[in-house]
Amino acid sequence: MKTIDELLSEGVAGKRVFVRADLNVPLDGTTITDDGRIRAVVPTVKALADAGARVIVASHLGRPKGAPDPAFSLAPASARLGELLGADVSFAEDTVGPAAEAAVSGLADGRVAVIENLRFNAGETSKDDAERAAFADRLAGLADVYVGDGFGAVHRKHASVFDLPKRLPHYAGYLIATEVGVLKKLTDDVRRPYVVALGGAKVSDKLAVIDQLLGKADRLLIGGGMAYTFLKAKGYEVGISLLQEDQIPAVQEYIERAEKNGVELVLPVDVLVAPEFPDLKTKAPANPTTVAADAIPADQEGLDIGPETRKLYASKLADAATVFWNGPMGVFEHPDYAEGTKAVAQALVDAPGFTVVGGGDSAAAVRTLGFDENAFGHISTGGGASLEYLEGKTLPGLAALED
């Protein structure tokens, strides 16, 4: 795929450059609680603006129902982008209507505008090719060139991700180029031992990637809510812990295949349990107890890996030449259940090899728990996109850029 460096070498002064970013940041009302995805697109936007382009930044945020919803406005993200650029950024209160057209026509060379949430238009996410194409046609009318830099959305066949680059000269931004380079290190050019740590709530979200990794990784460490389906598959009592009973046969098959393939599949040996889920708003003390993984009481819920598991997982990461981590080890948003996730993050910091934090909640946890982002080899901006790439799927947004 062509990159932004090639575009810059061709000259962009005076050109309208549409940057499909990923500004899908978490909000508490209108307050951004983690601006990592905005910071990730700054190098691309700044390089284009510095070269004299008229930059139009577009993104989705959340899951509005194809119509304007103030709760999902990109206005806070636009303001934060301006702060990070140290420049005024204009904001259009629609996507392809009069406000967007006015904002774009009013751009001077080297200036930046953000248009409103793309998902406020039903054509963005439509499964109807014609409806999506019609929206892409209108977006294309705003620009001369397309730069894809929203890695967190490249696994979506959406108008601004898949259809729009076909209508304009297209290039990959710095973020996408970096993300793809990192993922190739996890698939095509892997240094060993290759250790993968998977957590998060649902095992069903990770089945396809586990299927692939059983033929590639040397060790798989399992934590988070998904661990309890694995423990149940081994015949353990898991109490009222998160459980996907319909996935137990698949998990049992994976446990058997891991042993057959010589892949070390490591499960928790102890867990923190409590009779109910913690209050994440008040962060009131939860007073959990630690029990062996095969001794969870029937009326208790597992909410984090225990201290012996933390030590075990750290030891399994200590010699890793390549690490991929996706998904927290417990309910890290509450201080009583953050230690498991913190221990895995610290083990990645201490590991001698190339470490990748695979986006989503893992990236948020790293920042929430106070780790220096530069201590990791790479923090991805797209958890779902990373997983689908590792599953071996063709990602529509990357395919469109490679065309």
Protein backbone atom coordinates (compact mmCIF):
# COMPACT_ATOMS: atom_id res chain seq x y z
CA MET A 1 0.00 0.00 0.00
CA LYS A 2 1.11 3.56 -0.61
CA THR A 3 2.05 5.51 2.48
CA ILE A 4 1.71 9.09 3.59
CA ASP A 5 5.41 9.65 2.96
CA GLU A 6 4.79 9.01 -0.75
CA LEU A 7 1.89 11.44 -0.67
CA LEU A 8 3.99 14.11 1.01
CA SER A 9 6.75 13.64 -1.55
CA GLU A 10 4.21 14.27 -4.32
CA GLY A 11 3.11 17.52 -2.65
CA VAL A 12 -0.15 18.23 -0.82
CA ALA A 13 -0.19 22.02 -0.52
CA GLY A 14 -3.70 23.29 -1.21
CA LYS A 15 -5.16 19.79 -1.54
CA ARG A 16 -8.16 18.68 0.50
CA VAL A 17 -7.02 15.55 2.34
CA PHE A 18 -9.64 13.37 4.02
CA VAL A 19 -8.12 11.58 7.04
CA ARG A 20 -10.20 8.67 8.30
CA ALA A 21 -9.06 8.66 11.93
CA ASP A 22 -10.19 6.72 14.97
CA LEU A 23 -11.35 9.25 17.54
CA ASN A 24 -13.58 6.70 19.26
CA VAL A 25 -12.52 7.71 22.75
CA PRO A 26 -14.29 6.89 26.04
CA LEU A 27 -16.36 9.76 27.40
CA ASP A 28 -17.76 10.60 30.82
CA GLY A 29 -20.41 13.03 29.63
CA THR A 30 -18.30 15.41 27.55
CA THR A 31 -15.05 14.60 29.36
CA ILE A 32 -12.56 12.36 27.55
CA THR A 33 -11.24 9.75 29.98
CA ASP A 34 -8.52 8.36 27.67
CA ASP A 35 -7.20 10.39 24.71
CA GLY A 36 -4.80 7.73 23.43
CA ARG A 37 -6.53 7.30 20.08
CA ILE A 38 -6.53 11.05 19.44
CA ARG A 39 -2.83 11.30 20.24
CA ALA A 40 -2.17 8.39 17.89
CA VAL A 41 -3.42 10.27 14.81
CA VAL A 42 -1.64 13.55 15.59
CA PRO A 43 1.58 12.69 13.66
CA THR A 44 -0.38 12.11 10.44
CA VAL A 45 -2.57 15.19 10.79
CA LYS A 46 0.36 17.41 11.76
CA ALA A 47 2.54 16.21 8.88
CA LEU A 48 -0.22 16.96 6.38
CA ALA A 49 -1.03 20.36 7.87
CA ASP A 50 2.64 21.32 8.04
CA ALA A 51 2.92 20.46 4.34
CA GLY A 52 0.07 22.85 3.50
CA ALA A 53 -2.80 20.39 3.09
CA ARG A 54 -6.36 21.31 3.95
CA VAL A 55 -7.07 18.46 6.36
CA ILE A 56 -10.55 17.01 6.94
CA VAL A 57 -10.58 14.60 9.89
CA ALA A 58 -13.46 12.12 10.18
CA SER A 59 -14.27 9.33 12.61
CA HIS A 60 -17.01 7.39 14.34
CA LEU A 61 -17.67 7.42 18.08
CA GLY A 62 -19.77 4.84 19.87
CA ARG A 63 -22.82 3.21 18.33
CA PRO A 64 -25.45 5.81 17.50
CA LYS A 65 -28.39 4.48 15.51
CA GLY A 66 -27.67 6.16 12.18
CA ALA A 67 -28.96 9.53 13.34
CA PRO A 68 -27.54 12.48 15.32
CA ASP A 69 -27.22 11.86 19.06
CA PRO A 70 -25.53 14.51 21.24
CA ALA A 71 -24.16 11.81 23.56
CA PHE A 72 -21.90 10.64 20.72
CA SER A 73 -20.77 13.97 19.31
CA LEU A 74 -17.15 14.31 18.22
CA ALA A 75 -17.03 17.88 19.54
CA PRO A 76 -14.93 16.96 22.62
CA ALA A 77 -12.51 14.95 20.46
CA SER A 78 -12.21 17.83 18.01
CA ALA A 79 -11.36 20.22 20.83
CA ARG A 80 -8.75 17.82 22.21
CA LEU A 81 -7.19 17.37 18.77
CA GLY A 82 -6.80 21.13 18.54
CA GLU A 83 -5.07 21.20 21.93
CA LEU A 84 -2.65 18.45 20.89
CA LEU A 85 -1.89 20.16 17.57
CA GLY A 86 -1.54 23.55 19.23
CA ALA A 87 -3.79 25.01 16.56
CA ASP A 88 -7.39 25.99 15.99
CA VAL A 89 -9.46 23.11 14.62
CA SER A 90 -12.86 23.93 13.16
CA PHE A 91 -15.76 21.59 13.84
CA ALA A 92 -18.68 20.85 11.52
CA GLU A 93 -21.91 19.77 13.17
CA ASP A 94 -22.84 17.40 10.34
CA THR A 95 -21.07 14.89 8.10
CA VAL A 96 -21.90 15.80 4.49
CA GLY A 97 -24.38 18.63 4.91
CA PRO A 98 -24.09 22.42 4.82
CA ALA A 99 -21.90 22.67 7.94
CA ALA A 100 -19.34 20.17 6.61
CA GLU A 101 -19.30 21.82 3.19
CA ALA A 102 -18.81 25.25 4.77
CA ALA A 103 -16.06 24.01 7.08
CA VAL A 104 -14.16 22.42 4.20
CA SER A 105 -14.61 25.33 1.80
CA GLY A 106 -13.41 27.68 4.53
CA LEU A 107 -10.18 25.79 5.15
CA ALA A 108 -6.96 27.61 4.37
CA ASP A 109 -3.76 25.75 3.52
CA GLY A 110 -2.35 24.03 6.61
CA ARG A 111 -5.62 24.16 8.56
CA VAL A 112 -7.69 21.33 10.01
CA ALA A 113 -11.43 20.65 10.32
CA VAL A 114 -13.23 17.78 12.03
CA ILE A 115 -16.64 16.69 10.74
CA GLU A 116 -19.30 15.17 12.99
CA ASN A 117 -19.63 11.48 13.87
CA LEU A 118 -19.84 9.48 10.64
CA ARG A 119 -22.28 7.05 12.22
CA PHE A 120 -24.85 9.84 12.50
CA ASN A 121 -25.49 8.91 8.85
CA ALA A 122 -27.05 5.47 8.31
CA GLY A 123 -25.03 5.05 5.11
CA GLU A 124 -21.79 4.70 7.06
CA THR A 125 -22.57 1.29 8.55
CA SER A 126 -25.25 0.06 6.12
CA LYS A 127 -25.03 -3.51 4.88
CA ASP A 128 -26.69 -2.33 1.67
CA ASP A 129 -23.87 -1.68 -0.82
CA ALA A 130 -25.83 1.00 -2.67
CA GLU A 131 -26.66 2.96 0.48
CA ARG A 132 -23.04 2.79 1.64
CA ALA A 133 -21.80 3.82 -1.80
CA ALA A 134 -24.11 6.82 -1.89
CA PHE A 135 -22.72 8.08 1.42
CA ALA A 136 -19.16 7.44 0.22
CA ASP A 137 -19.89 9.47 -2.93
CA ARG A 138 -20.94 12.44 -0.81
CA LEU A 139 -17.87 12.13 1.42
CA ALA A 140 -15.65 11.95 -1.66
CA GLY A 141 -17.05 15.29 -2.77
CA LEU A 142 -15.37 16.90 0.24
CA ALA A 143 -11.82 15.86 -0.68
CA ASP A 144 -9.13 15.30 -3.28
CA VAL A 145 -7.12 12.62 -1.47
CA TYR A 146 -7.85 9.92 1.13
CA VAL A 147 -5.55 8.92 4.01
CA GLY A 148 -6.58 5.92 6.08
CA ASP A 149 -5.33 6.16 9.65
CA GLY A 150 -8.19 4.75 11.74
CA PHE A 151 -6.73 1.34 12.53
CA GLY A 152 -9.43 0.61 15.10
CA ALA A 153 -12.01 0.55 12.30
CA VAL A 154 -10.19 -1.28 9.47
CA HIS A 155 -12.00 -4.54 10.24
CA ARG A 156 -15.33 -2.85 9.41
CA LYS A 157 -16.80 -2.78 5.90
CA HIS A 158 -18.05 0.77 6.38
CA ALA A 159 -18.42 3.57 3.85
CA SER A 160 -15.55 5.75 5.11
CA VAL A 161 -13.26 2.73 5.59
CA PHE A 162 -13.96 0.51 2.60
CA ASP A 163 -15.90 2.41 -0.08
CA LEU A 164 -14.40 5.89 0.13
CA PRO A 165 -10.75 4.98 -0.62
CA LYS A 166 -11.92 3.44 -3.90
CA ARG A 167 -13.16 6.86 -4.98
CA LEU A 168 -10.00 8.88 -4.26
CA PRO A 169 -6.21 8.47 -4.49
CA HIS A 170 -5.50 6.66 -1.22
CA TYR A 171 -2.62 6.27 1.20
CA ALA A 172 -1.95 4.75 4.60
CA GLY A 173 -1.22 7.14 7.44
CA TYR A 174 1.60 6.73 9.94
CA LEU A 175 -0.54 4.91 12.49
CA ILE A 176 -1.82 2.24 10.12
CA ALA A 177 1.65 1.72 8.66
CA THR A 178 3.01 1.21 12.18
CA GLU A 179 0.18 -1.11 13.25
CA VAL A 180 0.55 -3.32 10.17
CA GLY A 181 4.32 -3.50 10.68
CA VAL A 182 3.80 -4.62 14.28
CA LEU A 183 1.24 -7.26 13.34
CA LYS A 184 3.61 -8.72 10.78
CA LYS A 185 6.10 -9.24 13.63
CA LEU A 186 3.40 -11.30 15.36
CA THR A 187 2.58 -13.40 12.31
CA ASP A 188 5.32 -13.51 9.66
CA ASP A 189 8.57 -12.82 11.50
CA VAL A 190 8.09 -14.10 15.04
CA ARG A 191 10.97 -14.28 17.52
CA ARG A 192 10.60 -17.04 20.11
CA PRO A 193 9.56 -17.81 22.76
CA TYR A 194 6.27 -16.28 21.58
CA VAL A 195 3.89 -15.79 24.50
CA VAL A 196 0.27 -14.62 24.20
CA ALA A 197 -1.77 -13.44 27.19
CA LEU A 198 -5.52 -13.32 26.61
CA GLY A 199 -8.13 -11.96 28.99
CA GLY A 200 -11.38 -10.06 28.81
CA ALA A 201 -14.92 -11.09 29.50
CA LYS A 202 -16.03 -13.57 26.83
CA VAL A 203 -14.17 -16.59 25.53
CA SER A 204 -16.37 -16.48 22.40
CA ASP A 205 -14.65 -13.22 21.41
CA LYS A 206 -11.27 -14.98 21.40
CA LEU A 207 -12.04 -18.46 20.02
CA ALA A 208 -10.95 -17.73 16.46
CA VAL A 209 -7.66 -16.17 17.51
CA ILE A 210 -6.95 -19.03 19.94
CA ASP A 211 -7.56 -21.43 17.06
CA GLN A 212 -4.85 -19.68 15.04
CA LEU A 213 -2.43 -19.24 17.94
CA LEU A 214 -2.47 -22.96 18.79
CA GLY A 215 -0.36 -23.37 15.68
CA LYS A 216 1.90 -20.35 16.25
CA ALA A 217 2.41 -19.43 19.90
CA ASP A 218 4.66 -21.25 22.36
CA ARG A 219 2.57 -20.32 25.41
CA LEU A 220 -0.98 -19.08 25.97
CA LEU A 221 -1.84 -17.46 29.30
CA ILE A 222 -5.58 -17.23 29.98
CA GLY A 223 -7.18 -14.76 32.41
CA GLY A 224 -10.17 -12.48 32.81
CA GLY A 225 -13.77 -13.61 32.67
CA MET A 226 -12.99 -16.01 29.84
CA ALA A 227 -10.80 -18.08 32.17
CA TYR A 228 -13.82 -19.49 34.01
CA THR A 229 -15.08 -21.25 30.89
CA PHE A 230 -11.65 -22.91 30.64
CA LEU A 231 -11.75 -23.89 34.33
CA LYS A 232 -15.26 -25.28 33.90
CA ALA A 233 -14.07 -27.24 30.87
CA LYS A 234 -11.55 -28.92 33.17
CA GLY A 235 -14.36 -29.93 35.48
CA TYR A 236 -13.90 -27.25 38.16
CA GLU A 237 -16.66 -25.51 40.08
CA VAL A 238 -16.74 -21.82 39.03
CA GLY A 239 -19.59 -20.60 41.23
CA ILE A 240 -21.42 -17.58 39.81
CA SER A 241 -18.43 -16.49 37.74
CA LEU A 242 -18.89 -15.36 34.16
CA LEU A 243 -19.41 -18.53 32.14
CA GLN A 244 -20.25 -19.37 28.53
CA GLU A 245 -21.45 -22.96 28.85
CA ASP A 246 -22.11 -23.27 25.12
CA GLN A 247 -18.39 -22.73 24.48
CA ILE A 248 -17.19 -25.53 26.77
CA PRO A 249 -16.92 -28.19 24.00
CA ALA A 250 -14.78 -25.85 21.87
CA VAL A 251 -12.59 -24.98 24.86
CA GLN A 252 -12.11 -28.66 25.72
CA GLU A 253 -11.00 -29.29 22.14
CA TYR A 254 -8.51 -26.42 22.37
CA ILE A 255 -7.09 -27.74 25.64
CA GLU A 256 -6.52 -31.12 23.99
CA ARG A 257 -5.05 -29.57 20.84
CA ALA A 258 -2.67 -27.37 22.84
CA GLU A 259 -1.24 -30.48 24.53
CA LYS A 260 -0.98 -32.29 21.20
CA ASN A 261 0.76 -29.33 19.52
CA GLY A 262 3.17 -28.73 22.39
CA VAL A 263 1.67 -25.33 23.18
CA GLU A 264 1.79 -24.53 26.87
CA LEU A 265 -1.74 -23.48 27.86
CA VAL A 266 -1.55 -21.82 31.29
CA LEU A 267 -4.66 -21.28 33.40
CA PRO A 268 -5.11 -19.54 36.77
CA VAL A 269 -4.09 -21.54 39.82
CA ASP A 270 -5.85 -19.16 42.22
CA VAL A 271 -8.45 -16.42 41.92
CA LEU A 272 -9.99 -13.54 43.86
CA VAL A 273 -13.66 -14.14 44.60
CA ALA A 274 -16.55 -12.22 46.12
CA PRO A 275 -20.31 -12.80 46.43
CA GLU A 276 -21.15 -9.95 44.05
CA PHE A 277 -19.72 -7.72 41.35
CA PRO A 278 -18.01 -4.58 42.73
CA ASP A 279 -19.44 -1.08 42.52
CA LEU A 280 -17.32 0.61 39.85
CA LYS A 281 -18.76 4.06 40.49
CA THR A 282 -18.09 4.42 44.23
CA LYS A 283 -15.11 1.99 44.23
CA ALA A 284 -16.29 0.88 47.66
CA PRO A 285 -14.04 -1.80 49.23
CA ALA A 286 -14.99 -5.22 47.91
CA ASN A 287 -13.07 -7.36 50.45
CA PRO A 288 -12.40 -10.31 48.15
CA THR A 289 -10.98 -13.64 49.27
CA THR A 290 -8.36 -15.71 47.50
CA VAL A 291 -9.13 -19.34 46.71
CA ALA A 292 -7.55 -22.07 44.62
CA ALA A 293 -8.83 -22.17 41.05
CA ASP A 294 -10.34 -25.60 41.69
CA ALA A 295 -12.06 -24.49 44.91
CA ILE A 296 -14.31 -21.56 43.95
CA PRO A 297 -17.37 -21.59 46.26
CA ALA A 298 -20.71 -22.14 44.55
CA ASP A 299 -22.01 -18.73 45.74
CA GLN A 300 -18.90 -16.71 44.80
CA GLU A 301 -17.76 -14.95 41.61
CA GLY A 302 -14.20 -14.92 40.29
CA LEU A 303 -13.09 -11.34 39.57
CA ASP A 304 -9.30 -11.41 39.20
CA ILE A 305 -6.37 -13.79 39.07
CA GLY A 306 -4.79 -14.47 42.44
CA PRO A 307 -1.27 -13.78 43.77
CA GLU A 308 0.14 -17.20 42.86
CA THR A 309 -1.19 -16.87 39.32
CA ARG A 310 0.38 -13.42 39.04
CA LYS A 311 3.77 -14.92 39.93
CA LEU A 312 3.19 -17.84 37.55
CA TYR A 313 2.27 -15.62 34.62
CA ALA A 314 5.20 -13.29 35.29
CA SER A 315 7.53 -16.31 35.18
CA LYS A 316 6.02 -17.45 31.87
CA LEU A 317 6.65 -13.99 30.39
CA ALA A 318 10.15 -13.53 31.81
CA ASP A 319 12.03 -15.05 28.85
CA ALA A 320 9.62 -14.03 26.08
CA ALA A 321 11.13 -12.71 22.87
CA THR A 322 7.67 -11.75 21.55
CA VAL A 323 4.55 -10.99 23.61
CA PHE A 324 1.01 -10.14 22.55
CA TRP A 325 -1.46 -9.23 25.30
CA ASN A 326 -5.16 -8.60 24.72
CA GLY A 327 -7.70 -8.35 27.53
CA PRO A 328 -7.42 -7.53 31.25
CA MET A 329 -6.96 -10.25 33.85
CA GLY A 330 -9.79 -9.02 36.04
CA VAL A 331 -12.09 -6.10 36.80
CA PHE A 332 -9.17 -3.66 36.71
CA GLU A 333 -11.48 -0.64 37.01
CA HIS A 334 -11.84 -1.46 40.73
CA PRO A 335 -8.66 -1.21 42.85
CA ASP A 336 -9.36 -4.50 44.66
CA TYR A 337 -9.28 -6.37 41.35
CA ALA A 338 -6.57 -4.48 39.47
CA GLU A 339 -3.52 -6.38 40.71
CA GLY A 340 -3.74 -9.21 38.17
CA THR A 341 -3.82 -6.85 35.20
CA LYS A 342 -1.11 -4.72 36.79
CA ALA A 343 1.10 -7.79 37.26
CA VAL A 344 0.80 -8.82 33.61
CA ALA A 345 1.51 -5.25 32.47
CA GLN A 346 4.60 -5.13 34.69
CA ALA A 347 5.75 -8.49 33.36
CA LEU A 348 5.55 -7.08 29.82
CA VAL A 349 7.61 -4.08 30.93
CA ASP A 350 10.22 -6.46 32.39
CA ALA A 351 10.19 -8.92 29.46
CA PRO A 352 13.34 -8.81 27.31
CA GLY A 353 11.59 -9.04 23.95
CA PHE A 354 9.14 -7.16 21.75
CA THR A 355 5.90 -6.49 23.64
CA VAL A 356 2.54 -5.55 22.14
CA VAL A 357 -0.49 -4.40 24.11
CA GLY A 358 -3.41 -5.29 21.87
CA GLY A 359 -5.70 -2.31 22.13
CA GLY A 360 -9.13 -1.96 23.71
CA ASP A 361 -9.40 -2.50 27.45
CA SER A 362 -5.76 -3.59 27.70
CA ALA A 363 -4.55 -0.25 26.36
CA ALA A 364 -6.95 1.60 28.65
CA ALA A 365 -5.74 -0.46 31.61
CA VAL A 366 -2.10 0.35 30.94
CA ARG A 367 -2.86 4.06 31.03
CA THR A 368 -5.34 3.85 33.92
CA LEU A 369 -2.86 1.94 36.05
CA GLY A 370 -0.15 4.54 35.47
CA PHE A 371 2.33 2.70 33.26
CA ASP A 372 4.68 4.60 30.96
CA GLU A 373 3.49 3.83 27.44
CA ASN A 374 7.06 3.97 26.18
CA ALA A 375 7.90 0.96 28.35
CA PHE A 376 6.05 -1.28 25.87
CA GLY A 377 7.11 -2.11 22.35
CA HIS A 378 3.74 -1.02 20.97
CA ILE A 379 0.27 -0.18 22.27
CA SER A 380 -2.30 -0.86 19.58
CA THR A 381 -5.28 1.41 19.03
CA GLY A 382 -7.46 -1.41 17.69
CA GLY A 383 -8.21 -4.47 19.77
CA GLY A 384 -10.80 -5.96 17.43
CA ALA A 385 -8.76 -5.18 14.33
CA SER A 386 -5.63 -6.71 15.87
CA LEU A 387 -7.45 -9.91 16.79
CA GLU A 388 -9.00 -10.29 13.35
CA TYR A 389 -5.61 -9.78 11.70
CA LEU A 390 -4.12 -12.48 13.93
CA GLU A 391 -7.07 -14.73 13.03
CA GLY A 392 -5.92 -14.47 9.42
CA LYS A 393 -8.95 -12.53 8.21
CA THR A 394 -8.85 -10.01 5.38
CA LEU A 395 -9.56 -6.59 6.91
CA PRO A 396 -11.71 -4.47 4.55
CA GLY A 397 -10.00 -1.19 5.42
CA LEU A 398 -6.53 -2.58 4.71
CA ALA A 399 -7.67 -4.29 1.53
CA ALA A 400 -9.08 -0.98 0.27
CA LEU A 401 -5.76 0.77 0.90
CA GLU A 402 -3.79 -1.99 -0.82
CA ASP A 403 -5.97 -1.83 -3.94
